[in-house]
Structure formats: structure tokens, C-alpha cells
Amino acid sequence: MKLSIQGIRDDEGVRSIINALLELDLGARINFESHMVCVAGRMTIGDASAAIERCGFAVVSVVDRTVVDAGFRPTRAGVAALSLS
């Protein structure tokens, strides 16, 4: 998912958002691009938005609603291990 956030002015704001999102999902991948945060993890858009708003920031819009589970990384080896002979 990609969320547009209003009010981020410094690194401390970025850190507080990262910490809030990691409390929801310790394995989440979080990247910032200007005033947008990209999150891949096991959380809903609503949960992520609520955590960000608890930090004192406003989620202006949802740019991308795609929820990607950071824990699911399919590989050829994983697929081959699941195949039945």
C-alpha cells in the first residue's frame, strides 16, 4: 500500500511512523518517498492509517490500495518443495 501523509517535517516524524507501523507488524517493509509511505506487511489500510494518525499525522489519501504481505516471498525452491510427486 502507498499512503500520502501530511505533516512530516523531519526525521523524527518518519521514525515515529516507522515505529508505529512496526508495532503492528514487526516484519513489515517500510519505505518513504517524500510525503508518501510505502508499506508491505500484514496489516490493513485501516490499521496502518490509524497507527499513523495516532502519531499525530494525517493520512491525506491512499495512493495504492494493493496490500502486499512482506512475509510471503514465493521462490522456485519453495514451489518445488510443495509439489507432489
PDB file of N, CA and C in Angstrom:
ATOM      1  N   MET A   1       0.836  -1.166   0.000  1.00  0.00           N
ATOM      2  CA  MET A   1       0.000   0.000   0.000  1.00  0.00           C
ATOM      3  C   MET A   1       0.885   1.234   0.000  1.00  0.00           C
ATOM      4  N   LYS A   2       0.353   2.301  -0.523  1.00  0.00           N
ATOM      5  CA  LYS A   2       1.080   3.565  -0.532  1.00  0.00           C
ATOM      6  C   LYS A   2       0.128   4.647  -0.028  1.00  0.00           C
ATOM      7  N   LEU A   3       0.545   5.347   1.036  1.00  0.00           N
ATOM      8  CA  LEU A   3      -0.280   6.365   1.666  1.00  0.00           C
ATOM      9  C   LEU A   3       0.397   7.723   1.594  1.00  0.00           C
ATOM     10  N   SER A   4      -0.382   8.750   1.289  1.00  0.00           N
ATOM     11  CA  SER A   4       0.116  10.121   1.295  1.00  0.00           C
ATOM     12  C   SER A   4      -0.148  10.698   2.685  1.00  0.00           C
ATOM     13  N   ILE A   5       0.901  11.233   3.317  1.00  0.00           N
ATOM     14  CA  ILE A   5       0.815  11.693   4.699  1.00  0.00           C
ATOM     15  C   ILE A   5       1.124  13.185   4.770  1.00  0.00           C
ATOM     16  N   GLN A   6       0.334  13.889   5.551  1.00  0.00           N
ATOM     17  CA  GLN A   6       0.522  15.323   5.718  1.00  0.00           C
ATOM     18  C   GLN A   6       1.201  15.597   7.066  1.00  0.00           C
ATOM     19  N   GLY A   7       2.128  16.529   7.073  1.00  0.00           N
ATOM     20  CA  GLY A   7       2.714  16.980   8.329  1.00  0.00           C
ATOM     21  C   GLY A   7       4.086  16.442   8.660  1.00  0.00           C
ATOM     22  N   ILE A   8       4.672  15.609   7.813  1.00  0.00           N
ATOM     23  CA  ILE A   8       6.018  15.095   8.098  1.00  0.00           C
ATOM     24  C   ILE A   8       7.017  16.213   7.806  1.00  0.00           C
ATOM     25  N   ARG A   9       7.741  16.623   8.833  1.00  0.00           N
ATOM     26  CA  ARG A   9       8.681  17.731   8.667  1.00  0.00           C
ATOM     27  C   ARG A   9      10.141  17.338   8.890  1.00  0.00           C
ATOM     28  N   ASP A  10      10.349  16.221   9.580  1.00  0.00           N
ATOM     29  CA  ASP A  10      11.731  15.861   9.913  1.00  0.00           C
ATOM     30  C   ASP A  10      11.871  14.350  10.088  1.00  0.00           C
ATOM     31  N   ASP A  11      13.107  13.941  10.371  1.00  0.00           N
ATOM     32  CA  ASP A  11      13.391  12.516  10.550  1.00  0.00           C
ATOM     33  C   ASP A  11      12.692  11.927  11.771  1.00  0.00           C
ATOM     34  N   GLU A  12      12.438  12.754  12.777  1.00  0.00           N
ATOM     35  CA  GLU A  12      11.767  12.264  13.972  1.00  0.00           C
ATOM     36  C   GLU A  12      10.337  11.816  13.644  1.00  0.00           C
ATOM     37  N   GLY A  13       9.663  12.546  12.777  1.00  0.00           N
ATOM     38  CA  GLY A  13       8.326  12.154  12.343  1.00  0.00           C
ATOM     39  C   GLY A  13       8.354  10.846  11.577  1.00  0.00           C
ATOM     40  N   VAL A  14       9.340  10.705  10.709  1.00  0.00           N
ATOM     41  CA  VAL A  14       9.496   9.464   9.941  1.00  0.00           C
ATOM     42  C   VAL A  14       9.733   8.299  10.897  1.00  0.00           C
ATOM     43  N   ARG A  15      10.610   8.482  11.870  1.00  0.00           N
ATOM     44  CA  ARG A  15      10.898   7.414  12.839  1.00  0.00           C
ATOM     45  C   ARG A  15       9.659   7.028  13.649  1.00  0.00           C
ATOM     46  N   SER A  16       8.868   8.021  14.035  1.00  0.00           N
ATOM     47  CA  SER A  16       7.684   7.693  14.838  1.00  0.00           C
ATOM     48  C   SER A  16       6.667   6.895  14.014  1.00  0.00           C
ATOM     49  N   ILE A  17       6.532   7.225  12.724  1.00  0.00           N
ATOM     50  CA  ILE A  17       5.627   6.462  11.859  1.00  0.00           C
ATOM     51  C   ILE A  17       6.151   5.045  11.657  1.00  0.00           C
ATOM     52  N   ILE A  18       7.444   4.916  11.410  1.00  0.00           N
ATOM     53  CA  ILE A  18       8.034   3.588  11.235  1.00  0.00           C
ATOM     54  C   ILE A  18       7.821   2.742  12.487  1.00  0.00           C
ATOM     55  N   ASN A  19       8.072   3.307  13.650  1.00  0.00           N
ATOM     56  CA  ASN A  19       7.894   2.559  14.901  1.00  0.00           C
ATOM     57  C   ASN A  19       6.439   2.144  15.101  1.00  0.00           C
ATOM     58  N   ALA A  20       5.510   3.031  14.778  1.00  0.00           N
ATOM     59  CA  ALA A  20       4.086   2.713  14.937  1.00  0.00           C
ATOM     60  C   ALA A  20       3.672   1.576  14.005  1.00  0.00           C
ATOM     61  N   LEU A  21       4.165   1.603  12.765  1.00  0.00           N
ATOM     62  CA  LEU A  21       3.828   0.547  11.811  1.00  0.00           C
ATOM     63  C   LEU A  21       4.490  -0.772  12.186  1.00  0.00           C
ATOM     64  N   LEU A  22       5.714  -0.710  12.706  1.00  0.00           N
ATOM     65  CA  LEU A  22       6.395  -1.937  13.128  1.00  0.00           C
ATOM     66  C   LEU A  22       5.746  -2.563  14.360  1.00  0.00           C
ATOM     67  N   GLU A  23       5.055  -1.763  15.174  1.00  0.00           N
ATOM     68  CA  GLU A  23       4.303  -2.323  16.296  1.00  0.00           C
ATOM     69  C   GLU A  23       3.158  -3.201  15.786  1.00  0.00           C
ATOM     70  N   LEU A  24       2.607  -2.838  14.625  1.00  0.00           N
ATOM     71  CA  LEU A  24       1.544  -3.648  14.016  1.00  0.00           C
ATOM     72  C   LEU A  24       2.097  -4.915  13.389  1.00  0.00           C
ATOM     73  N   ASP A  25       3.261  -4.770  12.733  1.00  0.00           N
ATOM     74  CA  ASP A  25       3.865  -5.897  12.018  1.00  0.00           C
ATOM     75  C   ASP A  25       5.373  -5.716  12.019  1.00  0.00           C
ATOM     76  N   LEU A  26       6.048  -6.470  12.870  1.00  0.00           N
ATOM     77  CA  LEU A  26       7.497  -6.341  13.021  1.00  0.00           C
ATOM     78  C   LEU A  26       8.250  -6.679  11.740  1.00  0.00           C
ATOM     79  N   GLY A  27       7.661  -7.473  10.869  1.00  0.00           N
ATOM     80  CA  GLY A  27       8.322  -7.860   9.626  1.00  0.00           C
ATOM     81  C   GLY A  27       7.975  -6.990   8.432  1.00  0.00           C
ATOM     82  N   ALA A  28       7.259  -5.904   8.649  1.00  0.00           N
ATOM     83  CA  ALA A  28       6.841  -5.043   7.538  1.00  0.00           C
ATOM     84  C   ALA A  28       8.048  -4.354   6.895  1.00  0.00           C
ATOM     85  N   ARG A  29       7.932  -4.137   5.583  1.00  0.00           N
ATOM     86  CA  ARG A  29       8.924  -3.340   4.859  1.00  0.00           C
ATOM     87  C   ARG A  29       8.315  -1.971   4.649  1.00  0.00           C
ATOM     88  N   ILE A  30       9.029  -0.935   5.077  1.00  0.00           N
ATOM     89  CA  ILE A  30       8.502   0.428   5.047  1.00  0.00           C
ATOM     90  C   ILE A  30       9.498   1.325   4.338  1.00  0.00           C
ATOM     91  N   ASN A  31       9.022   2.044   3.335  1.00  0.00           N
ATOM     92  CA  ASN A  31       9.866   2.982   2.587  1.00  0.00           C
ATOM     93  C   ASN A  31       9.150   4.313   2.464  1.00  0.00           C
ATOM     94  N   PHE A  32       9.910   5.387   2.613  1.00  0.00           N
ATOM     95  CA  PHE A  32       9.363   6.728   2.448  1.00  0.00           C
ATOM     96  C   PHE A  32       9.835   7.325   1.140  1.00  0.00           C
ATOM     97  N   GLU A  33       8.930   7.996   0.451  1.00  0.00           N
ATOM     98  CA  GLU A  33       9.226   8.755  -0.759  1.00  0.00           C
ATOM     99  C   GLU A  33       8.584  10.123  -0.563  1.00  0.00           C
ATOM    100  N   SER A  34       9.353  11.114  -0.157  1.00  0.00           N
ATOM    101  CA  SER A  34       8.829  12.450   0.125  1.00  0.00           C
ATOM    102  C   SER A  34       7.772  12.343   1.223  1.00  0.00           C
ATOM    103  N   HIS A  35       6.524  12.708   0.934  1.00  0.00           N
ATOM    104  CA  HIS A  35       5.452  12.628   1.936  1.00  0.00           C
ATOM    105  C   HIS A  35       4.572  11.405   1.738  1.00  0.00           C
ATOM    106  N   MET A  36       5.146  10.370   1.137  1.00  0.00           N
ATOM    107  CA  MET A  36       4.401   9.129   0.954  1.00  0.00           C
ATOM    108  C   MET A  36       5.144   7.991   1.626  1.00  0.00           C
ATOM    109  N   VAL A  37       4.368   7.067   2.182  1.00  0.00           N
ATOM    110  CA  VAL A  37       4.955   5.892   2.795  1.00  0.00           C
ATOM    111  C   VAL A  37       4.430   4.661   2.056  1.00  0.00           C
ATOM    112  N   CYS A  38       5.351   3.775   1.693  1.00  0.00           N
ATOM    113  CA  CYS A  38       5.002   2.504   1.046  1.00  0.00           C
ATOM    114  C   CYS A  38       5.198   1.411   2.088  1.00  0.00           C
ATOM    115  N   VAL A  39       4.165   0.595   2.271  1.00  0.00           N
ATOM    116  CA  VAL A  39       4.205  -0.441   3.300  1.00  0.00           C
ATOM    117  C   VAL A  39       3.866  -1.793   2.686  1.00  0.00           C
ATOM    118  N   ALA A  40       4.721  -2.759   2.943  1.00  0.00           N
ATOM    119  CA  ALA A  40       4.440  -4.152   2.586  1.00  0.00           C
ATOM    120  C   ALA A  40       4.462  -4.927   3.890  1.00  0.00           C
ATOM    121  N   GLY A  41       3.329  -5.468   4.260  1.00  0.00           N
ATOM    122  CA  GLY A  41       3.266  -6.187   5.521  1.00  0.00           C
ATOM    123  C   GLY A  41       1.896  -6.766   5.761  1.00  0.00           C
ATOM    124  N   ARG A  42       1.735  -7.325   6.944  1.00  0.00           N
ATOM    125  CA  ARG A  42       0.481  -7.994   7.309  1.00  0.00           C
ATOM    126  C   ARG A  42      -0.392  -7.052   8.126  1.00  0.00           C
ATOM    127  N   MET A  43      -0.867  -5.982   7.477  1.00  0.00           N
ATOM    128  CA  MET A  43      -1.754  -5.031   8.131  1.00  0.00           C
ATOM    129  C   MET A  43      -2.722  -4.492   7.096  1.00  0.00           C
ATOM    130  N   THR A  44      -3.867  -4.061   7.565  1.00  0.00           N
ATOM    131  CA  THR A  44      -4.847  -3.472   6.667  1.00  0.00           C
ATOM    132  C   THR A  44      -4.551  -1.989   6.482  1.00  0.00           C
ATOM    133  N   ILE A  45      -5.160  -1.414   5.476  1.00  0.00           N
ATOM    134  CA  ILE A  45      -5.007   0.026   5.252  1.00  0.00           C
ATOM    135  C   ILE A  45      -5.563   0.795   6.445  1.00  0.00           C
ATOM    136  N   GLY A  46      -6.671   0.331   6.980  1.00  0.00           N
ATOM    137  CA  GLY A  46      -7.270   0.980   8.144  1.00  0.00           C
ATOM    138  C   GLY A  46      -6.360   0.941   9.365  1.00  0.00           C
ATOM    139  N   ASP A  47      -5.730  -0.206   9.599  1.00  0.00           N
ATOM    140  CA  ASP A  47      -4.808  -0.332  10.740  1.00  0.00           C
ATOM    141  C   ASP A  47      -3.609   0.588  10.567  1.00  0.00           C
ATOM    142  N   ALA A  48      -3.043   0.618   9.354  1.00  0.00           N
ATOM    143  CA  ALA A  48      -1.884   1.462   9.086  1.00  0.00           C
ATOM    144  C   ALA A  48      -2.252   2.937   9.236  1.00  0.00           C
ATOM    145  N   SER A  49      -3.398   3.326   8.698  1.00  0.00           N
ATOM    146  CA  SER A  49      -3.840   4.723   8.800  1.00  0.00           C
ATOM    147  C   SER A  49      -4.051   5.127  10.252  1.00  0.00           C
ATOM    148  N   ALA A  50      -4.682   4.255  11.032  1.00  0.00           N
ATOM    149  CA  ALA A  50      -4.929   4.560  12.444  1.00  0.00           C
ATOM    150  C   ALA A  50      -3.620   4.717  13.216  1.00  0.00           C
ATOM    151  N   ALA A  51      -2.641   3.851  12.932  1.00  0.00           N
ATOM    152  CA  ALA A  51      -1.341   3.944  13.615  1.00  0.00           C
ATOM    153  C   ALA A  51      -0.643   5.251  13.269  1.00  0.00           C
ATOM    154  N   ILE A  52      -0.706   5.649  12.011  1.00  0.00           N
ATOM    155  CA  ILE A  52      -0.078   6.908  11.580  1.00  0.00           C
ATOM    156  C   ILE A  52      -0.777   8.095  12.231  1.00  0.00           C
ATOM    157  N   GLU A  53      -2.099   8.058  12.288  1.00  0.00           N
ATOM    158  CA  GLU A  53      -2.850   9.159  12.888  1.00  0.00           C
ATOM    159  C   GLU A  53      -2.624   9.251  14.390  1.00  0.00           C
ATOM    160  N   ARG A  54      -2.371   8.117  15.053  1.00  0.00           N
ATOM    161  CA  ARG A  54      -2.039   8.149  16.493  1.00  0.00           C
ATOM    162  C   ARG A  54      -0.715   8.858  16.740  1.00  0.00           C
ATOM    163  N   CYS A  55       0.154   8.898  15.719  1.00  0.00           N
ATOM    164  CA  CYS A  55       1.436   9.601  15.836  1.00  0.00           C
ATOM    165  C   CYS A  55       1.280  11.106  15.621  1.00  0.00           C
ATOM    166  N   GLY A  56       0.085  11.529  15.247  1.00  0.00           N
ATOM    167  CA  GLY A  56      -0.157  12.957  15.057  1.00  0.00           C
ATOM    168  C   GLY A  56      -0.088  13.422  13.607  1.00  0.00           C
ATOM    169  N   PHE A  57      -0.112  12.495  12.668  1.00  0.00           N
ATOM    170  CA  PHE A  57      -0.051  12.837  11.255  1.00  0.00           C
ATOM    171  C   PHE A  57      -1.368  12.462  10.584  1.00  0.00           C
ATOM    172  N   ALA A  58      -1.704  13.184   9.525  1.00  0.00           N
ATOM    173  CA  ALA A  58      -2.942  12.917   8.792  1.00  0.00           C
ATOM    174  C   ALA A  58      -2.640  12.136   7.522  1.00  0.00           C
ATOM    175  N   VAL A  59      -3.402  11.075   7.300  1.00  0.00           N
ATOM    176  CA  VAL A  59      -3.312  10.343   6.039  1.00  0.00           C
ATOM    177  C   VAL A  59      -4.230  11.079   5.069  1.00  0.00           C
ATOM    178  N   VAL A  60      -3.613  11.724   4.075  1.00  0.00           N
ATOM    179  CA  VAL A  60      -4.363  12.553   3.129  1.00  0.00           C
ATOM    180  C   VAL A  60      -5.100  11.695   2.113  1.00  0.00           C
ATOM    181  N   SER A  61      -4.420  10.679   1.591  1.00  0.00           N
ATOM    182  CA  SER A  61      -5.058   9.807   0.608  1.00  0.00           C
ATOM    183  C   SER A  61      -4.343   8.472   0.529  1.00  0.00           C
ATOM    184  N   VAL A  62      -5.061   7.504  -0.012  1.00  0.00           N
ATOM    185  CA  VAL A  62      -4.485   6.194  -0.296  1.00  0.00           C
ATOM    186  C   VAL A  62      -4.135   6.207  -1.780  1.00  0.00           C
ATOM    187  N   VAL A  63      -2.838   6.199  -2.075  1.00  0.00           N
ATOM    188  CA  VAL A  63      -2.363   6.277  -3.457  1.00  0.00           C
ATOM    189  C   VAL A  63      -2.447   4.912  -4.125  1.00  0.00           C
ATOM    190  N   ASP A  64      -2.130   3.861  -3.382  1.00  0.00           N
ATOM    191  CA  ASP A  64      -2.178   2.494  -3.911  1.00  0.00           C
ATOM    192  C   ASP A  64      -2.775   1.592  -2.837  1.00  0.00           C
ATOM    193  N   ARG A  65      -3.881   0.952  -3.143  1.00  0.00           N
ATOM    194  CA  ARG A  65      -4.584   0.106  -2.175  1.00  0.00           C
ATOM    195  C   ARG A  65      -4.066  -1.326  -2.134  1.00  0.00           C
ATOM    196  N   THR A  66      -3.098  -1.657  -2.961  1.00  0.00           N
ATOM    197  CA  THR A  66      -2.582  -3.015  -3.013  1.00  0.00           C
ATOM    198  C   THR A  66      -1.889  -3.362  -1.695  1.00  0.00           C
ATOM    199  N   VAL A  67      -2.373  -4.391  -1.034  1.00  0.00           N
ATOM    200  CA  VAL A  67      -1.767  -4.836   0.214  1.00  0.00           C
ATOM    201  C   VAL A  67      -0.881  -6.025  -0.111  1.00  0.00           C
ATOM    202  N   VAL A  68       0.420  -5.851   0.141  1.00  0.00           N
ATOM    203  CA  VAL A  68       1.406  -6.894  -0.146  1.00  0.00           C
ATOM    204  C   VAL A  68       1.910  -7.440   1.177  1.00  0.00           C
ATOM    205  N   ASP A  69       1.861  -8.746   1.329  1.00  0.00           N
ATOM    206  CA  ASP A  69       2.350  -9.399   2.535  1.00  0.00           C
ATOM    207  C   ASP A  69       3.856  -9.554   2.421  1.00  0.00           C
ATOM    208  N   ALA A  70       4.601  -8.833   3.240  1.00  0.00           N
ATOM    209  CA  ALA A  70       6.062  -8.878   3.187  1.00  0.00           C
ATOM    210  C   ALA A  70       6.600 -10.252   3.564  1.00  0.00           C
ATOM    211  N   GLY A  71       5.835 -11.042   4.293  1.00  0.00           N
ATOM    212  CA  GLY A  71       6.293 -12.354   4.710  1.00  0.00           C
ATOM    213  C   GLY A  71       6.165 -13.416   3.633  1.00  0.00           C
ATOM    214  N   PHE A  72       5.377 -13.141   2.601  1.00  0.00           N
ATOM    215  CA  PHE A  72       5.177 -14.129   1.545  1.00  0.00           C
ATOM    216  C   PHE A  72       6.089 -13.794   0.384  1.00  0.00           C
ATOM    217  N   ARG A  73       7.117 -14.601   0.211  1.00  0.00           N
ATOM    218  CA  ARG A  73       8.072 -14.399  -0.873  1.00  0.00           C
ATOM    219  C   ARG A  73       8.215 -15.713  -1.624  1.00  0.00           C
ATOM    220  N   PRO A  74       7.376 -15.918  -2.636  1.00  0.00           N
ATOM    221  CA  PRO A  74       7.447 -17.188  -3.352  1.00  0.00           C
ATOM    222  C   PRO A  74       8.761 -17.337  -4.104  1.00  0.00           C
ATOM    223  N   THR A  75       9.290 -18.538  -4.071  1.00  0.00           N
ATOM    224  CA  THR A  75      10.520 -18.850  -4.812  1.00  0.00           C
ATOM    225  C   THR A  75      10.308 -20.154  -5.550  1.00  0.00           C
ATOM    226  N   ARG A  76      11.136 -20.387  -6.545  1.00  0.00           N
ATOM    227  CA  ARG A  76      11.047 -21.654  -7.276  1.00  0.00           C
ATOM    228  C   ARG A  76      11.292 -22.828  -6.343  1.00  0.00           C
ATOM    229  N   ALA A  77      12.240 -22.687  -5.424  1.00  0.00           N
ATOM    230  CA  ALA A  77      12.549 -23.779  -4.498  1.00  0.00           C
ATOM    231  C   ALA A  77      11.349 -24.067  -3.604  1.00  0.00           C
ATOM    232  N   GLY A  78      10.681 -23.000  -3.138  1.00  0.00           N
ATOM    233  CA  GLY A  78       9.507 -23.176  -2.286  1.00  0.00           C
ATOM    234  C   GLY A  78       8.376 -23.858  -3.027  1.00  0.00           C
ATOM    235  N   VAL A  79       8.188 -23.509  -4.288  1.00  0.00           N
ATOM    236  CA  VAL A  79       7.147 -24.128  -5.107  1.00  0.00           C
ATOM    237  C   VAL A  79       7.490 -25.582  -5.374  1.00  0.00           C
ATOM    238  N   ALA A  80       8.733 -25.863  -5.688  1.00  0.00           N
ATOM    239  CA  ALA A  80       9.158 -27.238  -5.969  1.00  0.00           C
ATOM    240  C   ALA A  80       9.010 -28.111  -4.718  1.00  0.00           C
ATOM    241  N   ALA A  81       9.266 -27.537  -3.546  1.00  0.00           N
ATOM    242  CA  ALA A  81       9.166 -28.315  -2.316  1.00  0.00           C
ATOM    243  C   ALA A  81       7.724 -28.683  -2.016  1.00  0.00           C
ATOM    244  N   LEU A  82       6.767 -27.912  -2.521  1.00  0.00           N
ATOM    245  CA  LEU A  82       5.371 -28.189  -2.260  1.00  0.00           C
ATOM    246  C   LEU A  82       4.737 -29.135  -3.277  1.00  0.00           C
ATOM    247  N   SER A  83       5.411 -29.365  -4.374  1.00  0.00           N
ATOM    248  CA  SER A  83       4.812 -30.199  -5.424  1.00  0.00           C
ATOM    249  C   SER A  83       4.814 -31.669  -4.988  1.00  0.00           C
ATOM    250  N   LEU A  84       3.757 -32.346  -5.376  1.00  0.00           N
ATOM    251  CA  LEU A  84       3.657 -33.772  -5.045  1.00  0.00           C
ATOM    252  C   LEU A  84       4.147 -34.595  -6.209  1.00  0.00           C
ATOM    253  N   SER A  85       4.910 -35.606  -5.922  1.00  0.00           N
ATOM    254  CA  SER A  85       5.458 -36.463  -6.991  1.00  0.00           C
ATOM    255  C   SER A  85       4.577 -37.644  -7.253  1.00  0.00           C
TER     256      SER A  85
END
